[in-house]
Amino acid sequence: METLRLHDVVALTQPLPEHNLRRGDVDTVLDIGPNNQYLLEFADRNGIHYATPTVNAEGLMRVYLNADMVG
């Protein structure tokens, strides 16, 4: 897996029921810790924060956005 950077958009590859998150939920890398640990910030469409789990790199997949879709 390629290294993730701050503010990368990622998707969960496994559920995190303790945070009420499902496999495939998408959001942003907020911070990077030791041993391939990534602090994520999940927020809704209104920007309201609802979860901040720490996830190992194996539990994440980078999401590539098509620039034509951003508007």
PDB file of N, CA and C in Angstrom:
ATOM      1  N   MET A   1       0.838  -1.179   0.000  1.00  0.00           N
ATOM      2  CA  MET A   1       0.000   0.000   0.000  1.00  0.00           C
ATOM      3  C   MET A   1       0.887   1.248   0.000  1.00  0.00           C
ATOM      4  N   GLU A   2       0.497   2.239  -0.790  1.00  0.00           N
ATOM      5  CA  GLU A   2       1.247   3.486  -0.785  1.00  0.00           C
ATOM      6  C   GLU A   2       0.975   4.252   0.503  1.00  0.00           C
ATOM      7  N   THR A   3       1.915   5.101   0.875  1.00  0.00           N
ATOM      8  CA  THR A   3       1.803   5.868   2.105  1.00  0.00           C
ATOM      9  C   THR A   3       0.704   6.923   1.983  1.00  0.00           C
ATOM     10  N   LEU A   4      -0.108   7.004   3.013  1.00  0.00           N
ATOM     11  CA  LEU A   4      -1.146   8.030   3.062  1.00  0.00           C
ATOM     12  C   LEU A   4      -0.564   9.309   3.638  1.00  0.00           C
ATOM     13  N   ARG A   5      -1.147  10.433   3.244  1.00  0.00           N
ATOM     14  CA  ARG A   5      -0.701  11.740   3.725  1.00  0.00           C
ATOM     15  C   ARG A   5      -1.858  12.453   4.422  1.00  0.00           C
ATOM     16  N   LEU A   6      -1.531  13.523   5.159  1.00  0.00           N
ATOM     17  CA  LEU A   6      -2.566  14.332   5.799  1.00  0.00           C
ATOM     18  C   LEU A   6      -3.576  14.807   4.763  1.00  0.00           C
ATOM     19  N   HIS A   7      -4.820  14.769   5.123  1.00  0.00           N
ATOM     20  CA  HIS A   7      -5.946  15.252   4.321  1.00  0.00           C
ATOM     21  C   HIS A   7      -6.287  14.365   3.129  1.00  0.00           C
ATOM     22  N   ASP A   8      -5.631  13.189   2.997  1.00  0.00           N
ATOM     23  CA  ASP A   8      -6.046  12.247   1.959  1.00  0.00           C
ATOM     24  C   ASP A   8      -7.456  11.763   2.261  1.00  0.00           C
ATOM     25  N   VAL A   9      -8.209  11.509   1.217  1.00  0.00           N
ATOM     26  CA  VAL A   9      -9.542  10.929   1.364  1.00  0.00           C
ATOM     27  C   VAL A   9      -9.371   9.416   1.347  1.00  0.00           C
ATOM     28  N   VAL A  10      -9.959   8.747   2.347  1.00  0.00           N
ATOM     29  CA  VAL A  10      -9.812   7.299   2.485  1.00  0.00           C
ATOM     30  C   VAL A  10     -11.174   6.648   2.740  1.00  0.00           C
ATOM     31  N   ALA A  11     -11.227   5.350   2.463  1.00  0.00           N
ATOM     32  CA  ALA A  11     -12.412   4.553   2.772  1.00  0.00           C
ATOM     33  C   ALA A  11     -11.996   3.420   3.700  1.00  0.00           C
ATOM     34  N   LEU A  12     -12.882   3.042   4.584  1.00  0.00           N
ATOM     35  CA  LEU A  12     -12.634   1.918   5.480  1.00  0.00           C
ATOM     36  C   LEU A  12     -12.772   0.612   4.710  1.00  0.00           C
ATOM     37  N   THR A  13     -11.853  -0.319   4.933  1.00  0.00           N
ATOM     38  CA  THR A  13     -11.942  -1.631   4.293  1.00  0.00           C
ATOM     39  C   THR A  13     -12.575  -2.669   5.218  1.00  0.00           C
ATOM     40  N   GLN A  14     -12.876  -2.246   6.435  1.00  0.00           N
ATOM     41  CA  GLN A  14     -13.570  -3.116   7.394  1.00  0.00           C
ATOM     42  C   GLN A  14     -14.421  -2.251   8.314  1.00  0.00           C
ATOM     43  N   PRO A  15     -15.496  -2.789   8.837  1.00  0.00           N
ATOM     44  CA  PRO A  15     -16.362  -1.979   9.710  1.00  0.00           C
ATOM     45  C   PRO A  15     -15.691  -1.684  11.049  1.00  0.00           C
ATOM     46  N   LEU A  16     -16.117  -0.586  11.659  1.00  0.00           N
ATOM     47  CA  LEU A  16     -15.698  -0.225  13.015  1.00  0.00           C
ATOM     48  C   LEU A  16     -16.966  -0.031  13.843  1.00  0.00           C
ATOM     49  N   PRO A  17     -17.583  -1.130  14.286  1.00  0.00           N
ATOM     50  CA  PRO A  17     -18.874  -1.026  14.980  1.00  0.00           C
ATOM     51  C   PRO A  17     -18.812  -0.190  16.256  1.00  0.00           C
ATOM     52  N   GLU A  18     -17.652  -0.127  16.899  1.00  0.00           N
ATOM     53  CA  GLU A  18     -17.535   0.669  18.127  1.00  0.00           C
ATOM     54  C   GLU A  18     -17.659   2.164  17.851  1.00  0.00           C
ATOM     55  N   HIS A  19     -17.512   2.555  16.571  1.00  0.00           N
ATOM     56  CA  HIS A  19     -17.683   3.954  16.164  1.00  0.00           C
ATOM     57  C   HIS A  19     -18.904   4.132  15.262  1.00  0.00           C
ATOM     58  N   ASN A  20     -19.676   3.045  15.118  1.00  0.00           N
ATOM     59  CA  ASN A  20     -20.860   3.057  14.252  1.00  0.00           C
ATOM     60  C   ASN A  20     -20.490   3.384  12.796  1.00  0.00           C
ATOM     61  N   LEU A  21     -19.354   2.838  12.346  1.00  0.00           N
ATOM     62  CA  LEU A  21     -18.883   3.053  10.981  1.00  0.00           C
ATOM     63  C   LEU A  21     -18.931   1.738  10.208  1.00  0.00           C
ATOM     64  N   ARG A  22     -19.269   1.847   8.943  1.00  0.00           N
ATOM     65  CA  ARG A  22     -19.372   0.663   8.086  1.00  0.00           C
ATOM     66  C   ARG A  22     -18.208   0.585   7.108  1.00  0.00           C
ATOM     67  N   ARG A  23     -17.943  -0.608   6.620  1.00  0.00           N
ATOM     68  CA  ARG A  23     -16.963  -0.781   5.547  1.00  0.00           C
ATOM     69  C   ARG A  23     -17.394   0.092   4.373  1.00  0.00           C
ATOM     70  N   GLY A  24     -16.466   0.858   3.821  1.00  0.00           N
ATOM     71  CA  GLY A  24     -16.781   1.736   2.701  1.00  0.00           C
ATOM     72  C   GLY A  24     -17.053   3.175   3.096  1.00  0.00           C
ATOM     73  N   ASP A  25     -17.252   3.451   4.389  1.00  0.00           N
ATOM     74  CA  ASP A  25     -17.429   4.844   4.807  1.00  0.00           C
ATOM     75  C   ASP A  25     -16.175   5.636   4.444  1.00  0.00           C
ATOM     76  N   VAL A  26     -16.383   6.862   3.989  1.00  0.00           N
ATOM     77  CA  VAL A  26     -15.303   7.684   3.436  1.00  0.00           C
ATOM     78  C   VAL A  26     -15.141   8.968   4.235  1.00  0.00           C
ATOM     79  N   ASP A  27     -13.881   9.318   4.507  1.00  0.00           N
ATOM     80  CA  ASP A  27     -13.569  10.639   5.042  1.00  0.00           C
ATOM     81  C   ASP A  27     -12.092  10.905   4.983  1.00  0.00           C
ATOM     82  N   THR A  28     -11.521  11.669   5.910  1.00  0.00           N
ATOM     83  CA  THR A  28     -10.216  12.305   5.749  1.00  0.00           C
ATOM     84  C   THR A  28      -9.205  11.892   6.815  1.00  0.00           C
ATOM     85  N   VAL A  29      -7.926  11.804   6.404  1.00  0.00           N
ATOM     86  CA  VAL A  29      -6.829  11.575   7.344  1.00  0.00           C
ATOM     87  C   VAL A  29      -6.559  12.883   8.080  1.00  0.00           C
ATOM     88  N   LEU A  30      -6.723  12.853   9.393  1.00  0.00           N
ATOM     89  CA  LEU A  30      -6.556  14.045  10.231  1.00  0.00           C
ATOM     90  C   LEU A  30      -5.149  14.141  10.810  1.00  0.00           C
ATOM     91  N   ASP A  31      -4.562  12.977  11.131  1.00  0.00           N
ATOM     92  CA  ASP A  31      -3.219  12.957  11.714  1.00  0.00           C
ATOM     93  C   ASP A  31      -2.602  11.592  11.452  1.00  0.00           C
ATOM     94  N   ILE A  32      -1.277  11.542  11.502  1.00  0.00           N
ATOM     95  CA  ILE A  32      -0.547  10.292  11.266  1.00  0.00           C
ATOM     96  C   ILE A  32       0.290  10.000  12.496  1.00  0.00           C
ATOM     97  N   GLY A  33       0.115   8.790  13.023  1.00  0.00           N
ATOM     98  CA  GLY A  33       0.858   8.383  14.208  1.00  0.00           C
ATOM     99  C   GLY A  33       1.890   7.334  13.873  1.00  0.00           C
ATOM    100  N   PRO A  34       2.530   6.789  14.889  1.00  0.00           N
ATOM    101  CA  PRO A  34       3.543   5.752  14.662  1.00  0.00           C
ATOM    102  C   PRO A  34       2.909   4.439  14.215  1.00  0.00           C
ATOM    103  N   ASN A  35       3.723   3.589  13.630  1.00  0.00           N
ATOM    104  CA  ASN A  35       3.318   2.222  13.273  1.00  0.00           C
ATOM    105  C   ASN A  35       2.131   2.169  12.319  1.00  0.00           C
ATOM    106  N   ASN A  36       2.107   3.057  11.322  1.00  0.00           N
ATOM    107  CA  ASN A  36       1.050   3.056  10.302  1.00  0.00           C
ATOM    108  C   ASN A  36      -0.339   3.247  10.890  1.00  0.00           C
ATOM    109  N   GLN A  37      -0.455   4.056  11.922  1.00  0.00           N
ATOM    110  CA  GLN A  37      -1.744   4.382  12.524  1.00  0.00           C
ATOM    111  C   GLN A  37      -2.207   5.743  12.004  1.00  0.00           C
ATOM    112  N   TYR A  38      -3.464   5.825  11.594  1.00  0.00           N
ATOM    113  CA  TYR A  38      -4.020   7.052  11.022  1.00  0.00           C
ATOM    114  C   TYR A  38      -5.251   7.478  11.809  1.00  0.00           C
ATOM    115  N   LEU A  39      -5.252   8.729  12.246  1.00  0.00           N
ATOM    116  CA  LEU A  39      -6.401   9.310  12.911  1.00  0.00           C
ATOM    117  C   LEU A  39      -7.307   9.878  11.823  1.00  0.00           C
ATOM    118  N   LEU A  40      -8.544   9.436  11.796  1.00  0.00           N
ATOM    119  CA  LEU A  40      -9.492   9.868  10.777  1.00  0.00           C
ATOM    120  C   LEU A  40     -10.544  10.765  11.389  1.00  0.00           C
ATOM    121  N   GLU A  41     -11.090  11.648  10.576  1.00  0.00           N
ATOM    122  CA  GLU A  41     -12.205  12.481  11.018  1.00  0.00           C
ATOM    123  C   GLU A  41     -13.379  12.246  10.089  1.00  0.00           C
ATOM    124  N   PHE A  42     -14.465  11.762  10.651  1.00  0.00           N
ATOM    125  CA  PHE A  42     -15.688  11.550   9.881  1.00  0.00           C
ATOM    126  C   PHE A  42     -16.671  12.659  10.210  1.00  0.00           C
ATOM    127  N   ALA A  43     -17.206  13.289   9.178  1.00  0.00           N
ATOM    128  CA  ALA A  43     -18.179  14.369   9.341  1.00  0.00           C
ATOM    129  C   ALA A  43     -19.291  14.169   8.315  1.00  0.00           C
ATOM    130  N   ASP A  44     -20.472  14.675   8.633  1.00  0.00           N
ATOM    131  CA  ASP A  44     -21.590  14.542   7.698  1.00  0.00           C
ATOM    132  C   ASP A  44     -21.528  15.651   6.646  1.00  0.00           C
ATOM    133  N   ARG A  45     -22.507  15.685   5.766  1.00  0.00           N
ATOM    134  CA  ARG A  45     -22.521  16.669   4.672  1.00  0.00           C
ATOM    135  C   ARG A  45     -22.600  18.114   5.170  1.00  0.00           C
ATOM    136  N   ASN A  46     -23.036  18.299   6.406  1.00  0.00           N
ATOM    137  CA  ASN A  46     -23.108  19.639   6.993  1.00  0.00           C
ATOM    138  C   ASN A  46     -21.836  19.996   7.765  1.00  0.00           C
ATOM    139  N   GLY A  47     -20.846  19.103   7.728  1.00  0.00           N
ATOM    140  CA  GLY A  47     -19.588  19.355   8.419  1.00  0.00           C
ATOM    141  C   GLY A  47     -19.614  19.040   9.894  1.00  0.00           C
ATOM    142  N   ILE A  48     -20.663  18.358  10.340  1.00  0.00           N
ATOM    143  CA  ILE A  48     -20.767  18.017  11.761  1.00  0.00           C
ATOM    144  C   ILE A  48     -20.032  16.704  12.022  1.00  0.00           C
ATOM    145  N   HIS A  49     -19.042  16.792  12.895  1.00  0.00           N
ATOM    146  CA  HIS A  49     -18.182  15.666  13.252  1.00  0.00           C
ATOM    147  C   HIS A  49     -18.993  14.585  13.968  1.00  0.00           C
ATOM    148  N   TYR A  50     -18.736  13.309  13.610  1.00  0.00           N
ATOM    149  CA  TYR A  50     -19.420  12.238  14.332  1.00  0.00           C
ATOM    150  C   TYR A  50     -18.526  11.072  14.732  1.00  0.00           C
ATOM    151  N   ALA A  51     -17.265  11.024  14.273  1.00  0.00           N
ATOM    152  CA  ALA A  51     -16.364   9.951  14.713  1.00  0.00           C
ATOM    153  C   ALA A  51     -14.920  10.330  14.411  1.00  0.00           C
ATOM    154  N   THR A  52     -14.008   9.902  15.314  1.00  0.00           N
ATOM    155  CA  THR A  52     -12.576  10.143  15.124  1.00  0.00           C
ATOM    156  C   THR A  52     -11.809   8.882  15.536  1.00  0.00           C
ATOM    157  N   PRO A  53     -11.897   7.827  14.736  1.00  0.00           N
ATOM    158  CA  PRO A  53     -11.172   6.605  15.088  1.00  0.00           C
ATOM    159  C   PRO A  53      -9.719   6.652  14.638  1.00  0.00           C
ATOM    160  N   THR A  54      -8.891   5.832  15.273  1.00  0.00           N
ATOM    161  CA  THR A  54      -7.528   5.584  14.817  1.00  0.00           C
ATOM    162  C   THR A  54      -7.545   4.222  14.147  1.00  0.00           C
ATOM    163  N   VAL A  55      -7.034   4.173  12.911  1.00  0.00           N
ATOM    164  CA  VAL A  55      -7.116   2.955  12.100  1.00  0.00           C
ATOM    165  C   VAL A  55      -5.744   2.628  11.537  1.00  0.00           C
ATOM    166  N   ASN A  56      -5.400   1.339  11.540  1.00  0.00           N
ATOM    167  CA  ASN A  56      -4.167   0.874  10.939  1.00  0.00           C
ATOM    168  C   ASN A  56      -4.256   0.981   9.421  1.00  0.00           C
ATOM    169  N   ALA A  57      -3.134   1.159   8.750  1.00  0.00           N
ATOM    170  CA  ALA A  57      -3.093   1.326   7.295  1.00  0.00           C
ATOM    171  C   ALA A  57      -3.793   0.189   6.560  1.00  0.00           C
ATOM    172  N   GLU A  58      -3.741  -1.037   7.078  1.00  0.00           N
ATOM    173  CA  GLU A  58      -4.380  -2.174   6.417  1.00  0.00           C
ATOM    174  C   GLU A  58      -5.900  -2.044   6.395  1.00  0.00           C
ATOM    175  N   GLY A  59      -6.460  -1.196   7.251  1.00  0.00           N
ATOM    176  CA  GLY A  59      -7.903  -1.003   7.313  1.00  0.00           C
ATOM    177  C   GLY A  59      -8.399   0.131   6.444  1.00  0.00           C
ATOM    178  N   LEU A  60      -7.489   0.684   5.604  1.00  0.00           N
ATOM    179  CA  LEU A  60      -7.844   1.858   4.803  1.00  0.00           C
ATOM    180  C   LEU A  60      -7.504   1.677   3.328  1.00  0.00           C
ATOM    181  N   MET A  61      -8.210   2.419   2.506  1.00  0.00           N
ATOM    182  CA  MET A  61      -7.951   2.449   1.074  1.00  0.00           C
ATOM    183  C   MET A  61      -8.077   3.894   0.619  1.00  0.00           C
ATOM    184  N   ARG A  62      -7.059   4.412  -0.096  1.00  0.00           N
ATOM    185  CA  ARG A  62      -7.138   5.785  -0.596  1.00  0.00           C
ATOM    186  C   ARG A  62      -8.240   5.872  -1.648  1.00  0.00           C
ATOM    187  N   VAL A  63      -8.960   6.982  -1.625  1.00  0.00           N
ATOM    188  CA  VAL A  63     -10.026   7.245  -2.594  1.00  0.00           C
ATOM    189  C   VAL A  63      -9.529   8.322  -3.543  1.00  0.00           C
ATOM    190  N   TYR A  64      -9.647   8.058  -4.826  1.00  0.00           N
ATOM    191  CA  TYR A  64      -9.226   9.020  -5.845  1.00  0.00           C
ATOM    192  C   TYR A  64     -10.478   9.675  -6.400  1.00  0.00           C
ATOM    193  N   LEU A  65     -10.515  11.002  -6.348  1.00  0.00           N
ATOM    194  CA  LEU A  65     -11.660  11.739  -6.853  1.00  0.00           C
ATOM    195  C   LEU A  65     -11.356  12.238  -8.262  1.00  0.00           C
ATOM    196  N   ASN A  66     -12.340  12.143  -9.135  1.00  0.00           N
ATOM    197  CA  ASN A  66     -12.207  12.641 -10.495  1.00  0.00           C
ATOM    198  C   ASN A  66     -12.438  14.137 -10.454  1.00  0.00           C
ATOM    199  N   ALA A  67     -11.481  14.933 -10.912  1.00  0.00           N
ATOM    200  CA  ALA A  67     -11.579  16.387 -10.854  1.00  0.00           C
ATOM    201  C   ALA A  67     -12.792  16.908 -11.595  1.00  0.00           C
ATOM    202  N   ASP A  68     -13.249  16.196 -12.608  1.00  0.00           N
ATOM    203  CA  ASP A  68     -14.436  16.623 -13.358  1.00  0.00           C
ATOM    204  C   ASP A  68     -15.705  16.566 -12.518  1.00  0.00           C
ATOM    205  N   MET A  69     -15.676  15.781 -11.443  1.00  0.00           N
ATOM    206  CA  MET A  69     -16.857  15.616 -10.604  1.00  0.00           C
ATOM    207  C   MET A  69     -16.923  16.664  -9.515  1.00  0.00           C
ATOM    208  N   VAL A  70     -15.825  17.373  -9.275  1.00  0.00           N
ATOM    209  CA  VAL A  70     -15.785  18.391  -8.223  1.00  0.00           C
ATOM    210  C   VAL A  70     -16.290  19.689  -8.815  1.00  0.00           C
ATOM    211  N   GLY A  71     -17.251  20.313  -8.129  1.00  0.00           N
ATOM    212  CA  GLY A  71     -17.746  21.546  -8.714  1.00  0.00           C
ATOM    213  C   GLY A  71     -18.422  22.446  -7.781  1.00  0.00           C
TER     214      GLY A  71
END
